[in-house]
């Protein structure tokens, strides 16, 4: 009898342990939610919702501003690529005029002058259309070299100009409003080297080559 009673007691204690463990696990599962409910009172919940709404409205406003900016840029600079391609017309006209001037069979003829005059009229018309669309040529000759608008291709010795002054325009540059369509390709002045200095440099170069 005593053994049976002891076995029953052990079974009861094990059942009690299982119940306690199950109840404890339920309490753990419900614990965080219950804690949140206890921590946030109605006023705090309202403040939390207001904060979320404020963040949502701020994000919507930022998106609206980005959309407006993209729309304005598309309107202002939508023809940027087209304008850049159209500059080839100016280049081809300049090449055509230069080719005609260098043609020995046409030099000093009336037909040459008439052709050049017609090409110049076309050139002015194109520039006028560019100007109406806020496309302007970059001023270069006798200006100080500006890396934002000019690209130096060659240096030309010049006694009259300070170093870095543009004395030749190889290809005209253009801007569209406040943006650079393409830089002007230019030649800039540099100090003239005297013959004596040139000879000295040549001798120095020879000596360096001999030592090598």
N, C-alpha and C. Protein backbone atom coordinates (compact mmCIF):
# COMPACT_ATOMS: atom_id res chain seq x y z
N UNK A 1 0.84 -1.22 0.00
CA UNK A 1 0.00 0.00 0.00
C UNK A 1 0.86 1.25 0.00
N UNK A 2 1.89 1.20 0.80
CA UNK A 2 2.76 2.38 0.91
C UNK A 2 3.44 2.66 -0.44
N UNK A 3 3.85 1.52 -1.12
CA UNK A 3 4.49 1.71 -2.41
C UNK A 3 3.53 2.34 -3.41
N UNK A 4 2.31 1.90 -3.44
CA UNK A 4 1.32 2.46 -4.36
C UNK A 4 1.08 3.92 -4.08
N UNK A 5 1.02 4.30 -2.82
CA UNK A 5 0.81 5.70 -2.44
C UNK A 5 2.00 6.55 -2.88
N UNK A 6 3.20 6.02 -2.75
CA UNK A 6 4.39 6.77 -3.16
C UNK A 6 4.42 6.98 -4.67
N UNK A 7 4.02 5.91 -5.42
CA UNK A 7 3.97 6.03 -6.88
C UNK A 7 2.97 7.09 -7.30
N UNK A 8 1.79 7.10 -6.66
CA UNK A 8 0.76 8.11 -6.98
C UNK A 8 1.25 9.51 -6.67
N UNK A 9 1.98 9.65 -5.53
CA UNK A 9 2.50 10.97 -5.17
C UNK A 9 3.48 11.46 -6.23
N UNK A 10 4.34 10.55 -6.70
CA UNK A 10 5.32 10.94 -7.71
C UNK A 10 4.61 11.35 -9.01
N UNK A 11 3.56 10.58 -9.38
CA UNK A 11 2.81 10.93 -10.60
C UNK A 11 2.16 12.30 -10.46
N UNK A 12 1.59 12.57 -9.29
CA UNK A 12 0.94 13.87 -9.06
C UNK A 12 1.95 15.01 -9.13
N UNK A 13 3.12 14.79 -8.55
CA UNK A 13 4.14 15.86 -8.57
C UNK A 13 4.59 16.16 -10.00
N UNK A 14 4.73 15.09 -10.83
CA UNK A 14 5.12 15.29 -12.23
C UNK A 14 4.04 16.03 -13.00
N UNK A 15 2.76 15.69 -12.73
CA UNK A 15 1.66 16.40 -13.38
C UNK A 15 1.65 17.88 -13.00
N UNK A 16 1.90 18.13 -11.70
CA UNK A 16 1.93 19.53 -11.23
C UNK A 16 3.06 20.31 -11.93
N UNK A 17 4.21 19.64 -12.11
CA UNK A 17 5.33 20.31 -12.78
C UNK A 17 4.97 20.65 -14.22
N UNK A 18 4.32 19.70 -14.92
CA UNK A 18 3.92 19.95 -16.30
C UNK A 18 2.95 21.11 -16.41
N UNK A 19 1.98 21.16 -15.47
CA UNK A 19 1.00 22.26 -15.46
C UNK A 19 1.70 23.59 -15.24
N UNK A 20 2.62 23.61 -14.28
CA UNK A 20 3.32 24.85 -13.97
C UNK A 20 4.15 25.33 -15.17
N UNK A 21 4.79 24.34 -15.84
CA UNK A 21 5.60 24.72 -17.02
C UNK A 21 4.73 25.28 -18.13
N UNK A 22 3.55 24.65 -18.36
CA UNK A 22 2.65 25.12 -19.41
C UNK A 22 2.11 26.51 -19.08
N UNK A 23 1.72 26.70 -17.81
CA UNK A 23 1.22 28.02 -17.42
C UNK A 23 2.30 29.08 -17.53
N UNK A 24 3.55 28.68 -17.19
CA UNK A 24 4.66 29.63 -17.29
C UNK A 24 4.94 30.05 -18.72
N UNK A 25 4.86 29.03 -19.65
CA UNK A 25 5.10 29.36 -21.06
C UNK A 25 4.00 30.25 -21.61
N UNK A 26 2.76 30.04 -21.18
CA UNK A 26 1.65 30.91 -21.60
C UNK A 26 1.87 32.33 -21.11
N UNK A 27 2.34 32.41 -19.87
CA UNK A 27 2.58 33.75 -19.31
C UNK A 27 3.68 34.46 -20.09
N UNK A 28 4.71 33.66 -20.51
CA UNK A 28 5.79 34.29 -21.29
C UNK A 28 5.28 34.78 -22.63
N UNK A 29 4.42 33.95 -23.29
CA UNK A 29 3.89 34.36 -24.59
C UNK A 29 3.03 35.60 -24.48
N UNK A 30 2.26 35.70 -23.45
CA UNK A 30 1.37 36.84 -23.29
C UNK A 30 2.04 38.01 -22.62
N UNK A 31 3.22 37.75 -22.07
CA UNK A 31 3.88 38.79 -21.27
C UNK A 31 4.13 40.08 -22.00
N UNK A 32 4.82 40.05 -23.21
CA UNK A 32 5.14 41.31 -23.89
C UNK A 32 3.92 42.12 -24.25
N UNK A 33 2.86 41.41 -24.76
CA UNK A 33 1.64 42.15 -25.13
C UNK A 33 1.02 42.80 -23.91
N UNK A 34 0.98 42.03 -22.82
CA UNK A 34 0.40 42.59 -21.60
C UNK A 34 1.22 43.76 -21.11
N UNK A 35 2.57 43.63 -21.26
CA UNK A 35 3.44 44.72 -20.82
C UNK A 35 3.22 45.96 -21.67
N UNK A 36 3.05 45.75 -23.03
CA UNK A 36 2.81 46.90 -23.91
C UNK A 36 1.51 47.59 -23.54
N UNK A 37 0.47 46.75 -23.26
CA UNK A 37 -0.79 47.35 -22.88
C UNK A 37 -0.66 48.13 -21.56
N UNK A 38 0.15 47.61 -20.70
CA UNK A 38 0.32 48.29 -19.41
C UNK A 38 1.15 49.55 -19.57
N UNK A 39 2.20 49.50 -20.49
CA UNK A 39 3.10 50.64 -20.62
C UNK A 39 2.44 51.82 -21.33
N UNK A 40 1.66 51.56 -22.40
CA UNK A 40 1.05 52.63 -23.17
C UNK A 40 -0.37 52.91 -22.70
N UNK A 41 -0.54 54.12 -22.23
CA UNK A 41 -1.89 54.54 -21.88
C UNK A 41 -2.53 55.20 -23.10
N UNK A 42 -3.78 55.51 -23.09
CA UNK A 42 -4.46 56.10 -24.27
C UNK A 42 -3.77 57.35 -24.81
N UNK A 43 -3.32 58.23 -23.93
CA UNK A 43 -2.65 59.46 -24.38
C UNK A 43 -1.36 59.14 -25.13
N UNK A 44 -0.61 58.16 -24.62
CA UNK A 44 0.64 57.78 -25.27
C UNK A 44 0.37 57.15 -26.63
N UNK A 45 -0.70 56.36 -26.72
CA UNK A 45 -1.06 55.77 -28.01
C UNK A 45 -1.42 56.85 -29.03
N UNK A 46 -2.13 57.86 -28.59
CA UNK A 46 -2.49 58.98 -29.47
C UNK A 46 -1.24 59.69 -29.97
N UNK A 47 -0.29 59.92 -29.05
CA UNK A 47 0.96 60.58 -29.43
C UNK A 47 1.75 59.74 -30.43
N UNK A 48 1.73 58.43 -30.22
CA UNK A 48 2.44 57.54 -31.14
C UNK A 48 1.82 57.58 -32.53
N UNK A 49 0.49 57.59 -32.60
CA UNK A 49 -0.20 57.67 -33.88
C UNK A 49 0.07 59.01 -34.57
N UNK A 50 0.08 60.09 -33.78
CA UNK A 50 0.36 61.42 -34.33
C UNK A 50 1.77 61.47 -34.93
N UNK A 51 2.73 60.83 -34.24
CA UNK A 51 4.10 60.80 -34.73
C UNK A 51 4.19 60.04 -36.06
N UNK A 52 3.49 58.90 -36.14
CA UNK A 52 3.47 58.12 -37.38
C UNK A 52 2.84 58.91 -38.53
N UNK A 53 1.76 59.63 -38.22
CA UNK A 53 1.10 60.45 -39.25
C UNK A 53 2.02 61.56 -39.74
N UNK A 54 2.72 62.19 -38.78
CA UNK A 54 3.63 63.28 -39.14
C UNK A 54 4.74 62.77 -40.05
N UNK A 55 5.28 61.59 -39.74
CA UNK A 55 6.32 61.01 -40.57
C UNK A 55 5.80 60.67 -41.97
N UNK A 56 4.59 60.15 -42.04
CA UNK A 56 3.99 59.80 -43.33
C UNK A 56 3.77 61.04 -44.19
N UNK A 57 3.26 62.12 -43.58
CA UNK A 57 3.03 63.37 -44.32
C UNK A 57 4.36 63.97 -44.78
N UNK A 58 5.40 63.87 -43.94
CA UNK A 58 6.71 64.40 -44.32
C UNK A 58 7.27 63.65 -45.53
N UNK A 59 7.12 62.33 -45.54
CA UNK A 59 7.60 61.53 -46.66
C UNK A 59 6.81 61.84 -47.94
N UNK A 60 5.50 62.05 -47.81
CA UNK A 60 4.68 62.42 -48.97
C UNK A 60 5.10 63.78 -49.53
N UNK A 61 5.43 64.72 -48.64
CA UNK A 61 5.87 66.05 -49.08
C UNK A 61 7.21 65.97 -49.80
N UNK A 62 8.11 65.13 -49.29
CA UNK A 62 9.41 64.96 -49.95
C UNK A 62 9.24 64.36 -51.35
N UNK A 63 8.36 63.39 -51.46
CA UNK A 63 8.09 62.79 -52.76
C UNK A 63 7.48 63.80 -53.73
N UNK A 64 6.60 64.65 -53.22
CA UNK A 64 5.98 65.68 -54.08
C UNK A 64 7.03 66.66 -54.59
N UNK A 65 7.95 67.05 -53.70
CA UNK A 65 9.01 67.98 -54.10
C UNK A 65 9.93 67.37 -55.14
N UNK A 66 10.28 66.08 -54.94
CA UNK A 66 11.13 65.39 -55.92
C UNK A 66 10.43 65.32 -57.28
N UNK A 67 9.14 65.05 -57.27
CA UNK A 67 8.38 64.97 -58.51
C UNK A 67 8.35 66.33 -59.21
N UNK A 68 8.14 67.40 -58.44
CA UNK A 68 8.10 68.75 -59.02
C UNK A 68 9.45 69.12 -59.63
N UNK A 69 10.54 68.75 -58.92
CA UNK A 69 11.87 69.05 -59.43
C UNK A 69 12.15 68.31 -60.72
N UNK A 70 11.82 67.02 -60.76
CA UNK A 70 12.02 66.22 -61.97
C UNK A 70 11.18 66.75 -63.12
N UNK A 71 9.96 67.18 -62.81
CA UNK A 71 9.08 67.72 -63.86
C UNK A 71 9.66 69.02 -64.43
N UNK A 72 10.15 69.91 -63.54
CA UNK A 72 10.74 71.17 -63.99
C UNK A 72 11.99 70.93 -64.84
N UNK A 73 12.83 69.98 -64.40
CA UNK A 73 14.04 69.69 -65.16
C UNK A 73 13.71 69.10 -66.53
N UNK A 74 12.70 68.24 -66.56
CA UNK A 74 12.30 67.66 -67.84
C UNK A 74 11.77 68.75 -68.78
N UNK A 75 11.06 69.73 -68.23
CA UNK A 75 10.53 70.82 -69.04
C UNK A 75 11.65 71.76 -69.51
N UNK A 76 12.57 72.06 -68.59
CA UNK A 76 13.63 73.02 -68.90
C UNK A 76 14.70 72.42 -69.80
N UNK A 77 15.07 71.16 -69.55
CA UNK A 77 16.22 70.57 -70.24
C UNK A 77 15.84 69.32 -71.04
N UNK A 78 14.57 69.21 -71.38
CA UNK A 78 14.13 68.04 -72.12
C UNK A 78 14.81 67.90 -73.47
N UNK A 79 15.15 69.04 -74.11
CA UNK A 79 15.80 69.00 -75.42
C UNK A 79 17.30 69.12 -75.36
N UNK A 80 17.90 68.79 -74.21
CA UNK A 80 19.34 68.96 -74.02
C UNK A 80 20.14 68.12 -75.02
N UNK A 81 19.79 66.84 -75.12
CA UNK A 81 20.52 65.94 -76.03
C UNK A 81 20.31 66.35 -77.48
N UNK A 82 19.08 66.74 -77.80
CA UNK A 82 18.79 67.19 -79.16
C UNK A 82 19.60 68.44 -79.51
N UNK A 83 19.67 69.38 -78.55
CA UNK A 83 20.43 70.61 -78.77
C UNK A 83 21.91 70.31 -79.01
N UNK A 84 22.45 69.37 -78.25
CA UNK A 84 23.87 69.03 -78.40
C UNK A 84 24.14 68.44 -79.78
N UNK A 85 23.22 67.59 -80.27
CA UNK A 85 23.38 67.01 -81.59
C UNK A 85 23.27 68.07 -82.69
N UNK A 86 22.42 69.07 -82.45
CA UNK A 86 22.20 70.11 -83.46
C UNK A 86 23.43 70.98 -83.66
N UNK A 87 24.33 71.00 -82.69
CA UNK A 87 25.55 71.80 -82.83
C UNK A 87 26.40 71.34 -84.01
N UNK A 88 26.19 70.11 -84.47
CA UNK A 88 26.92 69.61 -85.64
C UNK A 88 26.63 70.45 -86.88
N UNK A 89 25.42 71.07 -86.92
CA UNK A 89 25.09 71.93 -88.07
C UNK A 89 26.04 73.11 -88.15
N UNK A 90 26.30 73.73 -86.99
CA UNK A 90 27.23 74.86 -86.95
C UNK A 90 28.63 74.42 -87.37
N UNK A 91 29.06 73.27 -86.86
CA UNK A 91 30.39 72.78 -87.20
C UNK A 91 30.52 72.51 -88.70
N UNK A 92 29.51 71.90 -89.28
CA UNK A 92 29.56 71.57 -90.71
C UNK A 92 29.56 72.84 -91.57
N UNK A 93 28.81 73.84 -91.14
CA UNK A 93 28.83 75.12 -91.88
C UNK A 93 30.21 75.77 -91.83
N UNK A 94 30.83 75.75 -90.66
CA UNK A 94 32.17 76.34 -90.52
C UNK A 94 33.18 75.59 -91.39
N UNK A 95 33.07 74.25 -91.42
CA UNK A 95 33.98 73.45 -92.25
C UNK A 95 33.77 73.74 -93.73
N UNK A 96 32.49 73.90 -94.11
CA UNK A 96 32.18 74.19 -95.51
C UNK A 96 32.77 75.54 -95.93
N UNK A 97 32.63 76.55 -95.07
CA UNK A 97 33.18 77.87 -95.39
C UNK A 97 34.71 77.82 -95.50
N UNK A 98 35.34 77.10 -94.58
CA UNK A 98 36.80 77.01 -94.60
C UNK A 98 37.28 76.27 -95.84
N UNK A 99 36.55 75.23 -96.22
CA UNK A 99 36.92 74.46 -97.41
C UNK A 99 36.80 75.31 -98.67
N UNK A 100 35.75 76.11 -98.75
CA UNK A 100 35.57 76.98 -99.92
C UNK A 100 36.66 78.05 -100.00
N UNK A 101 37.02 78.61 -98.86
CA UNK A 101 38.07 79.64 -98.84
C UNK A 101 39.42 79.09 -99.30
N UNK A 102 39.66 77.81 -99.00
CA UNK A 102 40.95 77.20 -99.35
C UNK A 102 40.96 76.59 -100.75
N UNK A 103 39.85 76.66 -101.45
CA UNK A 103 39.77 76.12 -102.81
C UNK A 103 40.42 77.11 -103.78
N UNK A 104 41.53 76.71 -104.38
CA UNK A 104 42.29 77.60 -105.27
C UNK A 104 41.48 78.01 -106.49
N UNK A 105 40.61 77.13 -106.97
CA UNK A 105 39.83 77.44 -108.18
C UNK A 105 38.74 78.47 -107.93
N UNK A 106 38.41 78.71 -106.66
CA UNK A 106 37.32 79.64 -106.34
C UNK A 106 37.81 80.96 -105.73
N UNK A 107 39.10 81.03 -105.41
CA UNK A 107 39.61 82.22 -104.73
C UNK A 107 39.40 83.49 -105.55
N UNK A 108 38.98 84.54 -104.81
CA UNK A 108 38.78 85.87 -105.40
C UNK A 108 37.70 85.88 -106.50
N UNK A 109 36.75 84.95 -106.39
CA UNK A 109 35.67 84.93 -107.38
C UNK A 109 34.36 85.41 -106.76
N UNK A 110 33.48 85.92 -107.61
CA UNK A 110 32.18 86.40 -107.13
C UNK A 110 31.32 85.25 -106.60
N UNK A 111 31.41 84.11 -107.26
CA UNK A 111 30.62 82.95 -106.82
C UNK A 111 31.02 82.50 -105.41
N UNK A 112 32.32 82.58 -105.10
CA UNK A 112 32.77 82.22 -103.75
C UNK A 112 32.17 83.15 -102.72
N UNK A 113 32.24 84.46 -102.99
CA UNK A 113 31.73 85.43 -102.03
C UNK A 113 30.23 85.27 -101.82
N UNK A 114 29.48 85.03 -102.92
CA UNK A 114 28.04 84.84 -102.80
C UNK A 114 27.71 83.60 -101.98
N UNK A 115 28.45 82.53 -102.22
CA UNK A 115 28.22 81.29 -101.47
C UNK A 115 28.51 81.49 -99.99
N UNK A 116 29.61 82.17 -99.70
CA UNK A 116 29.97 82.44 -98.29
C UNK A 116 28.92 83.32 -97.62
N UNK A 117 28.40 84.28 -98.36
CA UNK A 117 27.36 85.15 -97.80
C UNK A 117 26.10 84.35 -97.46
N UNK A 118 25.71 83.44 -98.35
CA UNK A 118 24.53 82.61 -98.09
C UNK A 118 24.75 81.70 -96.88
N UNK A 119 25.93 81.12 -96.78
CA UNK A 119 26.24 80.27 -95.64
C UNK A 119 26.24 81.06 -94.33
N UNK A 120 26.69 82.30 -94.41
CA UNK A 120 26.70 83.14 -93.21
C UNK A 120 25.27 83.48 -92.77
N UNK A 121 24.38 83.68 -93.72
CA UNK A 121 22.97 83.94 -93.39
C UNK A 121 22.36 82.73 -92.69
N UNK A 122 22.65 81.53 -93.24
CA UNK A 122 22.15 80.29 -92.61
C UNK A 122 22.71 80.15 -91.20
N UNK A 123 24.00 80.47 -91.05
CA UNK A 123 24.65 80.39 -89.73
C UNK A 123 23.98 81.32 -88.72
N UNK A 124 23.67 82.53 -89.14
CA UNK A 124 23.02 83.50 -88.25
C UNK A 124 21.60 83.05 -87.88
N UNK A 125 20.90 82.46 -88.85
CA UNK A 125 19.54 81.97 -88.58
C UNK A 125 19.56 80.86 -87.53
N UNK A 126 20.53 79.97 -87.65
CA UNK A 126 20.64 78.88 -86.68
C UNK A 126 20.95 79.43 -85.29
N UNK A 127 21.88 80.37 -85.21
CA UNK A 127 22.21 80.97 -83.93
C UNK A 127 21.02 81.72 -83.32
N UNK A 128 20.21 82.34 -84.19
CA UNK A 128 19.01 83.04 -83.71
C UNK A 128 18.01 82.05 -83.11
N UNK A 129 17.84 80.90 -83.77
CA UNK A 129 16.95 79.86 -83.24
C UNK A 129 17.49 79.32 -81.92
N UNK A 130 18.79 79.13 -81.86
CA UNK A 130 19.42 78.67 -80.61
C UNK A 130 19.12 79.66 -79.47
N UNK A 131 19.29 80.94 -79.76
CA UNK A 131 19.11 81.96 -78.73
C UNK A 131 17.69 81.97 -78.20
N UNK A 132 16.70 81.77 -79.07
CA UNK A 132 15.30 81.72 -78.63
C UNK A 132 15.04 80.54 -77.69
N UNK A 133 15.89 79.52 -77.81
CA UNK A 133 15.76 78.33 -76.95
C UNK A 133 16.84 78.30 -75.85
N UNK A 134 17.36 79.50 -75.53
CA UNK A 134 18.32 79.67 -74.43
C UNK A 134 19.64 78.93 -74.65
N UNK A 135 20.02 78.75 -75.93
CA UNK A 135 21.32 78.17 -76.26
C UNK A 135 22.23 79.29 -76.73
N UNK A 136 23.31 79.52 -75.99
CA UNK A 136 24.18 80.65 -76.26
C UNK A 136 25.61 80.18 -76.52
N UNK A 137 26.30 80.83 -77.49
CA UNK A 137 27.72 80.50 -77.70
C UNK A 137 28.58 81.04 -76.56
N UNK A 138 29.65 80.34 -76.27
CA UNK A 138 30.57 80.74 -75.20
C UNK A 138 31.58 81.74 -75.77
N UNK A 139 31.75 82.84 -75.09
CA UNK A 139 32.74 83.83 -75.51
C UNK A 139 34.14 83.32 -75.14
N UNK A 140 35.05 83.37 -76.12
CA UNK A 140 36.37 82.77 -75.89
C UNK A 140 37.54 83.70 -76.18
N UNK A 141 37.58 84.29 -77.38
CA UNK A 141 38.74 85.06 -77.80
C UNK A 141 39.04 86.20 -76.83
N UNK A 142 40.32 86.31 -76.44
CA UNK A 142 40.83 87.32 -75.51
C UNK A 142 40.29 87.16 -74.08
N UNK A 143 39.71 86.02 -73.80
CA UNK A 143 39.24 85.73 -72.45
C UNK A 143 40.26 84.86 -71.72
N UNK A 144 40.24 84.95 -70.40
CA UNK A 144 41.08 84.07 -69.59
C UNK A 144 40.53 82.65 -69.64
N UNK A 145 41.41 81.67 -69.77
CA UNK A 145 40.97 80.29 -69.86
C UNK A 145 40.18 79.90 -68.61
N UNK A 146 38.95 79.43 -68.82
CA UNK A 146 38.09 78.97 -67.73
C UNK A 146 37.81 77.48 -67.95
N UNK A 147 38.35 76.61 -67.08
CA UNK A 147 38.16 75.16 -67.28
C UNK A 147 36.69 74.73 -67.28
N UNK A 148 35.81 75.56 -66.73
CA UNK A 148 34.38 75.23 -66.72
C UNK A 148 33.74 75.38 -68.11
N UNK A 149 34.38 76.19 -68.96
CA UNK A 149 33.79 76.46 -70.27
C UNK A 149 34.75 76.24 -71.44
N UNK A 150 36.05 76.23 -71.17
CA UNK A 150 37.04 76.10 -72.23
C UNK A 150 37.90 74.86 -72.02
N UNK A 151 38.34 74.31 -73.15
CA UNK A 151 39.28 73.19 -73.11
C UNK A 151 40.47 73.55 -73.99
N UNK A 152 41.65 73.72 -73.35
CA UNK A 152 42.85 74.12 -74.09
C UNK A 152 43.38 72.95 -74.90
N UNK A 153 43.58 73.17 -76.20
CA UNK A 153 44.08 72.13 -77.09
C UNK A 153 45.54 72.37 -77.46
N UNK A 154 45.93 73.64 -77.61
CA UNK A 154 47.30 73.97 -77.98
C UNK A 154 47.74 75.23 -77.24
N UNK A 155 49.07 75.39 -77.16
CA UNK A 155 49.64 76.63 -76.62
C UNK A 155 50.34 77.37 -77.76
N UNK A 156 50.13 78.67 -77.81
CA UNK A 156 50.67 79.49 -78.90
C UNK A 156 51.52 80.60 -78.29
N UNK A 157 52.75 80.71 -78.75
CA UNK A 157 53.64 81.76 -78.24
C UNK A 157 53.11 83.14 -78.66
N UNK A 158 53.05 84.03 -77.68
CA UNK A 158 52.50 85.37 -77.96
C UNK A 158 53.11 86.37 -76.98
N UNK A 159 53.74 87.40 -77.53
CA UNK A 159 54.37 88.41 -76.68
C UNK A 159 53.36 89.41 -76.12
N UNK A 160 52.28 89.63 -76.87
CA UNK A 160 51.32 90.66 -76.50
C UNK A 160 50.34 90.21 -75.42
N UNK A 161 50.10 88.91 -75.30
CA UNK A 161 49.11 88.41 -74.36
C UNK A 161 49.78 87.76 -73.15
N UNK A 162 49.08 87.85 -72.03
CA UNK A 162 49.54 87.14 -70.84
C UNK A 162 49.33 85.63 -71.04
N UNK A 163 50.12 84.82 -70.36
CA UNK A 163 49.92 83.37 -70.47
C UNK A 163 48.52 82.96 -70.00
N UNK A 164 47.91 82.06 -70.74
CA UNK A 164 46.57 81.58 -70.37
C UNK A 164 45.43 82.33 -71.01
N UNK A 165 45.75 83.32 -71.87
CA UNK A 165 44.69 84.06 -72.58
C UNK A 165 44.37 83.32 -73.88
N UNK A 166 43.09 83.21 -74.20
CA UNK A 166 42.66 82.50 -75.40
C UNK A 166 42.90 83.37 -76.63
N UNK A 167 43.69 82.85 -77.57
CA UNK A 167 44.01 83.60 -78.79
C UNK A 167 43.49 82.91 -80.04
N UNK A 168 42.97 81.68 -79.88
CA UNK A 168 42.42 80.96 -81.04
C UNK A 168 41.25 80.09 -80.59
N UNK A 169 40.21 80.09 -81.42
CA UNK A 169 39.05 79.25 -81.15
C UNK A 169 38.98 78.15 -82.22
N UNK A 170 39.22 76.92 -81.79
CA UNK A 170 39.24 75.79 -82.72
C UNK A 170 37.82 75.29 -82.97
N UNK A 171 37.04 75.21 -81.91
CA UNK A 171 35.63 74.79 -82.02
C UNK A 171 34.80 75.57 -81.01
N UNK A 172 33.71 76.15 -81.47
CA UNK A 172 32.88 76.98 -80.61
C UNK A 172 32.14 76.13 -79.57
N UNK A 173 32.09 76.67 -78.35
CA UNK A 173 31.34 76.01 -77.28
C UNK A 173 30.00 76.67 -77.05
N UNK A 174 29.09 75.94 -76.40
CA UNK A 174 27.74 76.45 -76.17
C UNK A 174 27.24 76.06 -74.78
N UNK A 175 26.36 76.90 -74.25
CA UNK A 175 25.65 76.59 -73.00
C UNK A 175 24.15 76.59 -73.26
N UNK A 176 23.43 75.85 -72.44
CA UNK A 176 21.96 75.87 -72.47
C UNK A 176 21.49 76.27 -71.09
N UNK A 177 21.03 77.53 -70.99
CA UNK A 177 20.70 78.12 -69.69
C UNK A 177 21.94 78.08 -68.81
N UNK A 178 21.88 77.40 -67.68
CA UNK A 178 23.03 77.37 -66.78
C UNK A 178 23.85 76.09 -66.93
N UNK A 179 23.62 75.33 -68.00
CA UNK A 179 24.32 74.08 -68.20
C UNK A 179 25.24 74.14 -69.43
N UNK A 180 26.35 73.42 -69.35
CA UNK A 180 27.29 73.38 -70.45
C UNK A 180 26.88 72.32 -71.45
N UNK A 181 26.64 72.77 -72.70
CA UNK A 181 26.34 71.80 -73.77
C UNK A 181 27.62 71.13 -74.22
N UNK A 182 28.64 71.95 -74.50
CA UNK A 182 29.96 71.43 -74.80
C UNK A 182 30.98 72.56 -74.59
N UNK A 183 32.20 72.23 -74.19
CA UNK A 183 33.20 73.28 -73.98
C UNK A 183 33.76 73.78 -75.31
N UNK A 184 34.29 74.99 -75.27
CA UNK A 184 34.95 75.54 -76.44
C UNK A 184 36.38 74.99 -76.50
N UNK A 185 36.78 74.52 -77.67
CA UNK A 185 38.15 74.03 -77.87
C UNK A 185 39.00 75.20 -78.34
N UNK A 186 40.03 75.52 -77.58
CA UNK A 186 40.76 76.77 -77.81
C UNK A 186 42.27 76.57 -77.77
N UNK A 187 42.97 77.60 -78.29
CA UNK A 187 44.41 77.70 -78.15
C UNK A 187 44.73 78.86 -77.24
N UNK A 188 45.64 78.67 -76.30
CA UNK A 188 45.96 79.70 -75.31
C UNK A 188 47.39 80.21 -75.50
N UNK A 189 47.60 81.43 -75.06
CA UNK A 189 48.91 82.06 -75.21
C UNK A 189 49.89 81.55 -74.16
N UNK A 190 51.16 81.58 -74.54
CA UNK A 190 52.23 81.29 -73.59
C UNK A 190 53.41 82.21 -73.90
N UNK A 191 54.31 82.32 -72.96
CA UNK A 191 55.46 83.20 -73.15
C UNK A 191 56.34 82.70 -74.29
N UNK A 192 56.87 83.67 -75.05
CA UNK A 192 57.77 83.32 -76.14
C UNK A 192 59.13 82.93 -75.57
N UNK A 193 59.69 81.88 -76.11
CA UNK A 193 61.02 81.44 -75.68
C UNK A 193 62.04 82.01 -76.65
N UNK A 194 63.02 82.74 -76.12
CA UNK A 194 64.05 83.33 -76.97
C UNK A 194 64.93 82.24 -77.57
N UNK A 195 65.61 82.61 -78.67
CA UNK A 195 66.47 81.64 -79.35
C UNK A 195 67.57 81.14 -78.44
N UNK A 196 68.12 82.07 -77.62
CA UNK A 196 69.19 81.67 -76.70
C UNK A 196 68.69 80.62 -75.71
N UNK A 197 67.46 80.86 -75.19
CA UNK A 197 66.88 79.91 -74.23
C UNK A 197 66.61 78.57 -74.90
N UNK A 198 66.16 78.63 -76.17
CA UNK A 198 65.89 77.40 -76.90
C UNK A 198 67.17 76.60 -77.09
N UNK A 199 68.27 77.32 -77.46
CA UNK A 199 69.54 76.63 -77.65
C UNK A 199 70.03 76.01 -76.36
N UNK A 200 69.84 76.75 -75.25
CA UNK A 200 70.25 76.22 -73.95
C UNK A 200 69.49 74.96 -73.61
N UNK A 201 68.20 74.98 -73.86
CA UNK A 201 67.37 73.81 -73.57
C UNK A 201 67.77 72.62 -74.44
N UNK A 202 68.07 72.91 -75.72
CA UNK A 202 68.48 71.84 -76.62
C UNK A 202 69.79 71.21 -76.17
N UNK A 203 70.73 72.07 -75.73
CA UNK A 203 72.01 71.56 -75.23
C UNK A 203 71.82 70.72 -73.97
N UNK A 204 70.95 71.19 -73.08
CA UNK A 204 70.66 70.43 -71.85
C UNK A 204 70.06 69.07 -72.17
N UNK A 205 69.16 69.05 -73.14
CA UNK A 205 68.54 67.78 -73.54
C UNK A 205 69.56 66.83 -74.16
N UNK A 206 70.50 67.40 -74.95
CA UNK A 206 71.55 66.56 -75.55
C UNK A 206 72.42 65.95 -74.46
N UNK A 207 72.81 66.77 -73.47
CA UNK A 207 73.65 66.27 -72.39
C UNK A 207 72.95 65.17 -71.60
N UNK A 208 71.65 65.36 -71.37
CA UNK A 208 70.89 64.33 -70.64
C UNK A 208 70.85 63.03 -71.42
N UNK A 209 70.67 63.15 -72.76
CA UNK A 209 70.61 61.94 -73.59
C UNK A 209 71.97 61.24 -73.64
N UNK A 210 73.07 62.03 -73.67
CA UNK A 210 74.40 61.43 -73.70
C UNK A 210 74.74 60.69 -72.42
N UNK A 211 74.34 61.28 -71.29
CA UNK A 211 74.61 60.63 -69.99
C UNK A 211 73.85 59.33 -69.85
N UNK A 212 72.64 59.25 -70.48
CA UNK A 212 71.86 58.02 -70.43
C UNK A 212 72.56 56.91 -71.23
